[in-house]
Protein backbone atom coordinates (compact mmCIF):
# COMPACT_ATOMS: atom_id res chain seq x y z
CA MET A 1 -20.28 75.65 86.97
CA ALA A 2 -21.30 72.50 85.14
CA LYS A 3 -24.65 72.08 83.40
CA PHE A 4 -26.96 69.14 83.93
CA VAL A 5 -30.05 67.96 82.06
CA THR A 6 -32.79 66.77 84.38
CA ILE A 7 -35.70 64.55 83.39
CA GLY A 8 -38.57 64.26 85.84
CA TYR A 9 -40.92 61.30 85.79
CA GLY A 10 -44.16 61.21 87.74
CA ASP A 11 -47.89 60.72 87.51
CA GLN A 12 -50.92 62.55 88.80
CA ASP A 13 -51.68 59.83 91.38
CA GLY A 14 -48.28 60.20 93.01
CA TYR A 15 -48.62 63.98 92.97
CA ASP A 16 -52.12 63.89 94.46
CA ARG A 17 -51.15 61.59 97.33
CA THR A 18 -48.30 63.89 98.38
CA GLY A 19 -49.19 66.37 101.11
CA LYS A 20 -50.10 69.86 99.94
CA ALA A 21 -47.41 71.50 102.09
CA VAL A 22 -44.75 69.22 100.58
CA ARG A 23 -45.98 69.96 97.04
CA ASP A 24 -46.12 73.71 97.71
CA GLU A 25 -42.54 73.73 99.02
CA ALA A 26 -41.39 71.71 95.99
CA HIS A 27 -42.97 74.26 93.64
CA ALA A 28 -41.39 77.10 95.63
CA HIS A 29 -38.05 75.30 95.29
CA ASP A 30 -38.57 75.14 91.49
CA ALA A 31 -39.30 78.88 91.49
CA ARG A 32 -36.02 79.51 93.32
CA LEU A 33 -34.16 77.35 90.78
CA ARG A 34 -35.71 79.42 87.95
CA GLU A 35 -34.71 82.66 89.69
CA GLY A 36 -31.16 81.28 89.79
CA GLY A 37 -31.16 80.71 86.03
CA ALA A 38 -32.43 77.13 85.68
CA VAL A 39 -34.60 76.39 82.66
CA LEU A 40 -37.51 74.16 83.71
CA GLY A 41 -40.53 73.02 81.74
CA ILE A 42 -43.40 70.58 81.63
CA ALA A 43 -43.13 67.86 79.00
CA GLY A 44 -45.52 67.95 76.07
CA PRO A 45 -46.22 65.05 73.70
CA PRO A 46 -43.00 63.90 71.99
CA VAL A 47 -42.16 63.01 68.41
CA ARG A 48 -39.35 60.81 67.09
CA VAL A 49 -37.22 62.29 64.28
CA ARG A 50 -35.06 60.20 61.95
CA ASN A 51 -32.95 61.15 58.94
CA PRO A 52 -30.81 58.10 58.09
CA GLU A 53 -27.69 59.15 56.22
CA GLY A 54 -29.34 62.48 55.46
CA ALA A 55 -31.61 60.78 52.91
CA GLY A 56 -34.93 62.01 54.23
CA THR A 57 -36.57 63.01 57.47
CA THR A 58 -39.38 61.02 59.03
CA VAL A 59 -41.37 62.08 62.06
CA GLU A 60 -43.43 59.72 64.19
CA GLU A 61 -45.60 60.57 67.18
CA GLY A 62 -44.68 59.07 70.52
CA SER A 63 -41.60 58.51 72.62
CA PHE A 64 -38.70 56.23 71.81
CA LEU A 65 -37.91 55.28 75.41
CA SER A 66 -40.42 53.85 77.85
CA SER A 67 -40.73 54.08 81.63
CA ASP A 68 -43.03 52.91 84.38
CA LEU A 69 -43.86 56.59 84.96
CA PRO A 70 -44.59 59.20 82.28
CA VAL A 71 -42.09 61.97 81.60
CA ALA A 72 -43.38 65.00 83.48
CA GLY A 73 -40.75 67.64 82.73
CA PHE A 74 -37.24 68.65 81.81
CA GLY A 75 -34.69 71.07 83.13
CA ILE A 76 -31.25 72.50 82.55
CA ILE A 77 -29.56 73.40 85.82
CA GLU A 78 -26.10 74.53 86.82
CA ALA A 79 -24.24 73.06 89.76
CA ALA A 80 -20.67 72.79 90.95
CA SER A 81 -20.80 68.98 90.97
CA LEU A 82 -23.06 66.01 90.34
CA GLU A 83 -23.60 65.79 94.10
CA GLU A 84 -24.86 69.38 94.19
CA ALA A 85 -27.12 68.75 91.19
CA VAL A 86 -28.59 65.72 92.99
CA ARG A 87 -29.18 67.84 96.09
CA LEU A 88 -30.94 70.51 94.02
CA VAL A 89 -33.29 68.12 92.21
CA SER A 90 -34.06 66.07 95.31
CA ARG A 91 -36.48 68.79 96.42
CA THR A 92 -38.38 69.20 93.13
CA PRO A 93 -42.01 68.11 92.63
CA CYS A 94 -41.20 64.86 90.79
CA ALA A 95 -38.67 63.79 93.42
CA VAL A 96 -40.93 64.45 96.41
CA ALA A 97 -44.25 63.33 94.83
CA HIS A 98 -43.43 59.63 94.40
CA GLY A 99 -41.68 60.13 91.05
CA VAL A 100 -38.04 60.17 90.07
CA VAL A 101 -35.60 62.64 88.51
CA GLU A 102 -32.68 61.62 86.30
CA VAL A 103 -29.64 63.89 86.27
CA TRP A 104 -27.44 63.80 83.16
CA PRO A 105 -24.15 65.75 83.02
CA LEU A 106 -24.27 67.93 79.91
CA ARG A 107 -20.98 68.08 78.06
CA GLU A 108 -20.48 70.48 75.21
CA ALA A 109 -20.17 68.84 71.81
CA PRO A 110 -16.88 69.40 69.99
């Protein structure tokens, strides 16, 4: 099984305008993913870390990338293929509540 990093983007407005039954099923789907071994979490405030040429570490508050929607959460899931990973995340809260989920194949570093 391959591993995939998922990044969910969404805002409270999109979540709130999604029907309660749809949201509840999306959260139940997340619970099933967790039971199957997925690691899922809600995003906290980020920091940027730099250490150019190993000469000294600096840390700055805030994200490096920007998006129309805030980052809502992250996950590590296993799936047999990218297509299966897409199918799995298509039923998560960010995907159904007017947000978006990115799926990144995770390759082991040498």
